[in-house]
Amino acid sequence: MESWGVNRYGNAFTTRVSQPWESNSTCGGWKPIKGKYTYETSDFSANITFGTDASGNQVSSGCASSFKIDWSIFSGNKTGSAIINYW
């Protein structure tokens, strides 16, 4: 656990970095090629994977085009994901 606290809705949260953010000057400092973060509350969790291709798979070489967010809302067992292109 890297950080914890209470969010603006009064819910306790934790964040974890399971893979540090990595970028380079070839791909661009704001287009990371690696990184995995997790955000959790008692009601919700989100996993963010940086450095993915258009299918949401983390790249092993070259420059990435996007990042992927997977989330779960615990009430009702709702899940989802989105792949967001770098700007």
C-alpha atoms as a PDB file:
ATOM      1  CA  MET A   1       0.000   0.000   0.000  1.00  0.00           C
ATOM      2  CA  GLU A   2       1.544   3.306  -1.066  1.00  0.00           C
ATOM      3  CA  SER A   3      -1.099   5.749   0.115  1.00  0.00           C
ATOM      4  CA  TRP A   4      -4.365   5.776   1.976  1.00  0.00           C
ATOM      5  CA  GLY A   5      -6.858   8.234   3.318  1.00  0.00           C
ATOM      6  CA  VAL A   6     -10.441   9.387   2.983  1.00  0.00           C
ATOM      7  CA  ASN A   7     -11.841  10.585  -0.349  1.00  0.00           C
ATOM      8  CA  ARG A   8     -14.219  13.514  -0.824  1.00  0.00           C
ATOM      9  CA  TYR A   9     -17.207  11.218  -0.283  1.00  0.00           C
ATOM     10  CA  GLY A  10     -15.963  10.144   3.140  1.00  0.00           C
ATOM     11  CA  ASN A  11     -14.846   6.668   2.018  1.00  0.00           C
ATOM     12  CA  ALA A  12     -11.505   5.222   3.056  1.00  0.00           C
ATOM     13  CA  PHE A  13      -9.251   4.401   0.099  1.00  0.00           C
ATOM     14  CA  THR A  14      -5.896   2.783  -0.641  1.00  0.00           C
ATOM     15  CA  THR A  15      -3.634   2.968  -3.657  1.00  0.00           C
ATOM     16  CA  ARG A  16      -0.866   0.590  -4.703  1.00  0.00           C
ATOM     17  CA  VAL A  17       1.798   0.675  -7.366  1.00  0.00           C
ATOM     18  CA  SER A  18       2.426  -2.898  -8.485  1.00  0.00           C
ATOM     19  CA  GLN A  19       4.603  -1.830 -11.432  1.00  0.00           C
ATOM     20  CA  PRO A  20       6.237   1.621 -11.442  1.00  0.00           C
ATOM     21  CA  TRP A  21       5.463   4.101 -14.218  1.00  0.00           C
ATOM     22  CA  GLU A  22       8.178   4.002 -16.871  1.00  0.00           C
ATOM     23  CA  SER A  23       8.524   6.327 -19.846  1.00  0.00           C
ATOM     24  CA  ASN A  24      11.319   7.398 -22.158  1.00  0.00           C
ATOM     25  CA  SER A  25      12.285  10.257 -24.443  1.00  0.00           C
ATOM     26  CA  THR A  26      11.730   8.149 -27.581  1.00  0.00           C
ATOM     27  CA  CYS A  27       8.033   7.525 -26.886  1.00  0.00           C
ATOM     28  CA  GLY A  28       7.429  10.705 -24.879  1.00  0.00           C
ATOM     29  CA  GLY A  29       7.427  11.421 -21.167  1.00  0.00           C
ATOM     30  CA  TRP A  30       3.617  11.461 -20.935  1.00  0.00           C
ATOM     31  CA  LYS A  31       3.165   8.245 -22.896  1.00  0.00           C
ATOM     32  CA  PRO A  32       4.317   5.621 -20.392  1.00  0.00           C
ATOM     33  CA  ILE A  33       5.435   2.236 -21.634  1.00  0.00           C
ATOM     34  CA  LYS A  34       4.908   0.452 -18.281  1.00  0.00           C
ATOM     35  CA  GLY A  35       3.057   0.888 -15.020  1.00  0.00           C
ATOM     36  CA  LYS A  36       0.253  -0.659 -12.969  1.00  0.00           C
ATOM     37  CA  TYR A  37      -1.728   1.118 -10.246  1.00  0.00           C
ATOM     38  CA  THR A  38      -4.668   0.012  -8.092  1.00  0.00           C
ATOM     39  CA  TYR A  39      -7.212   2.230  -6.313  1.00  0.00           C
ATOM     40  CA  GLU A  40      -9.666   0.671  -3.829  1.00  0.00           C
ATOM     41  CA  THR A  41     -12.486   1.688  -1.533  1.00  0.00           C
ATOM     42  CA  SER A  42     -14.949  -0.561   0.259  1.00  0.00           C
ATOM     43  CA  ASP A  43     -17.359  -0.133  -2.690  1.00  0.00           C
ATOM     44  CA  PHE A  44     -15.105   0.155  -5.738  1.00  0.00           C
ATOM     45  CA  SER A  45     -11.762  -0.841  -7.215  1.00  0.00           C
ATOM     46  CA  ALA A  46      -9.905   0.268 -10.324  1.00  0.00           C
ATOM     47  CA  ASN A  47      -6.779  -1.219 -11.887  1.00  0.00           C
ATOM     48  CA  ILE A  48      -4.898   0.977 -14.342  1.00  0.00           C
ATOM     49  CA  THR A  49      -2.361  -0.560 -16.718  1.00  0.00           C
ATOM     50  CA  PHE A  50      -0.153   1.913 -18.579  1.00  0.00           C
ATOM     51  CA  GLY A  51       1.699   1.103 -21.779  1.00  0.00           C
ATOM     52  CA  THR A  52      -0.884  -0.922 -23.659  1.00  0.00           C
ATOM     53  CA  ASP A  53      -1.620  -1.542 -27.315  1.00  0.00           C
ATOM     54  CA  ALA A  54      -5.015  -0.914 -28.937  1.00  0.00           C
ATOM     55  CA  SER A  55      -6.279  -4.240 -27.524  1.00  0.00           C
ATOM     56  CA  GLY A  56      -5.321  -3.360 -23.941  1.00  0.00           C
ATOM     57  CA  ASN A  57      -2.303  -5.680 -23.738  1.00  0.00           C
ATOM     58  CA  GLN A  58       0.807  -4.245 -22.121  1.00  0.00           C
ATOM     59  CA  VAL A  59       3.521  -3.811 -24.763  1.00  0.00           C
ATOM     60  CA  SER A  60       6.839  -5.588 -24.312  1.00  0.00           C
ATOM     61  CA  SER A  61       8.816  -3.403 -26.721  1.00  0.00           C
ATOM     62  CA  GLY A  62       8.373  -0.195 -28.655  1.00  0.00           C
ATOM     63  CA  CYS A  63       5.984   2.627 -27.840  1.00  0.00           C
ATOM     64  CA  ALA A  64       2.553   2.116 -26.341  1.00  0.00           C
ATOM     65  CA  SER A  65      -0.582   3.749 -27.722  1.00  0.00           C
ATOM     66  CA  SER A  66      -2.873   3.702 -24.690  1.00  0.00           C
ATOM     67  CA  PHE A  67      -3.680   2.722 -21.121  1.00  0.00           C
ATOM     68  CA  LYS A  68      -6.387   0.407 -19.807  1.00  0.00           C
ATOM     69  CA  ILE A  69      -8.697   0.812 -16.826  1.00  0.00           C
ATOM     70  CA  ASP A  70     -10.535  -2.182 -15.336  1.00  0.00           C
ATOM     71  CA  TRP A  71     -13.044  -1.466 -12.587  1.00  0.00           C
ATOM     72  CA  SER A  72     -15.398  -3.272 -10.237  1.00  0.00           C
ATOM     73  CA  ILE A  73     -18.378  -1.914  -8.338  1.00  0.00           C
ATOM     74  CA  PHE A  74     -18.923  -4.382  -5.541  1.00  0.00           C
ATOM     75  CA  SER A  75     -22.649  -3.787  -5.025  1.00  0.00           C
ATOM     76  CA  GLY A  76     -24.325  -5.663  -7.832  1.00  0.00           C
ATOM     77  CA  ASN A  77     -21.062  -7.226  -9.004  1.00  0.00           C
ATOM     78  CA  LYS A  78     -20.664  -4.727 -11.850  1.00  0.00           C
ATOM     79  CA  THR A  79     -17.423  -4.624 -13.820  1.00  0.00           C
ATOM     80  CA  GLY A  80     -16.140  -2.770 -16.824  1.00  0.00           C
ATOM     81  CA  SER A  81     -13.068  -1.701 -18.706  1.00  0.00           C
ATOM     82  CA  ALA A  82     -11.918   1.001 -21.070  1.00  0.00           C
ATOM     83  CA  ILE A  83      -8.874   1.484 -23.292  1.00  0.00           C
ATOM     84  CA  ILE A  84      -7.922   5.143 -23.555  1.00  0.00           C
ATOM     85  CA  ASN A  85      -5.534   6.363 -26.241  1.00  0.00           C
ATOM     86  CA  TYR A  86      -2.677   8.630 -25.282  1.00  0.00           C
ATOM     87  CA  TRP A  87      -3.026  12.165 -26.570  1.00  0.00           C
END
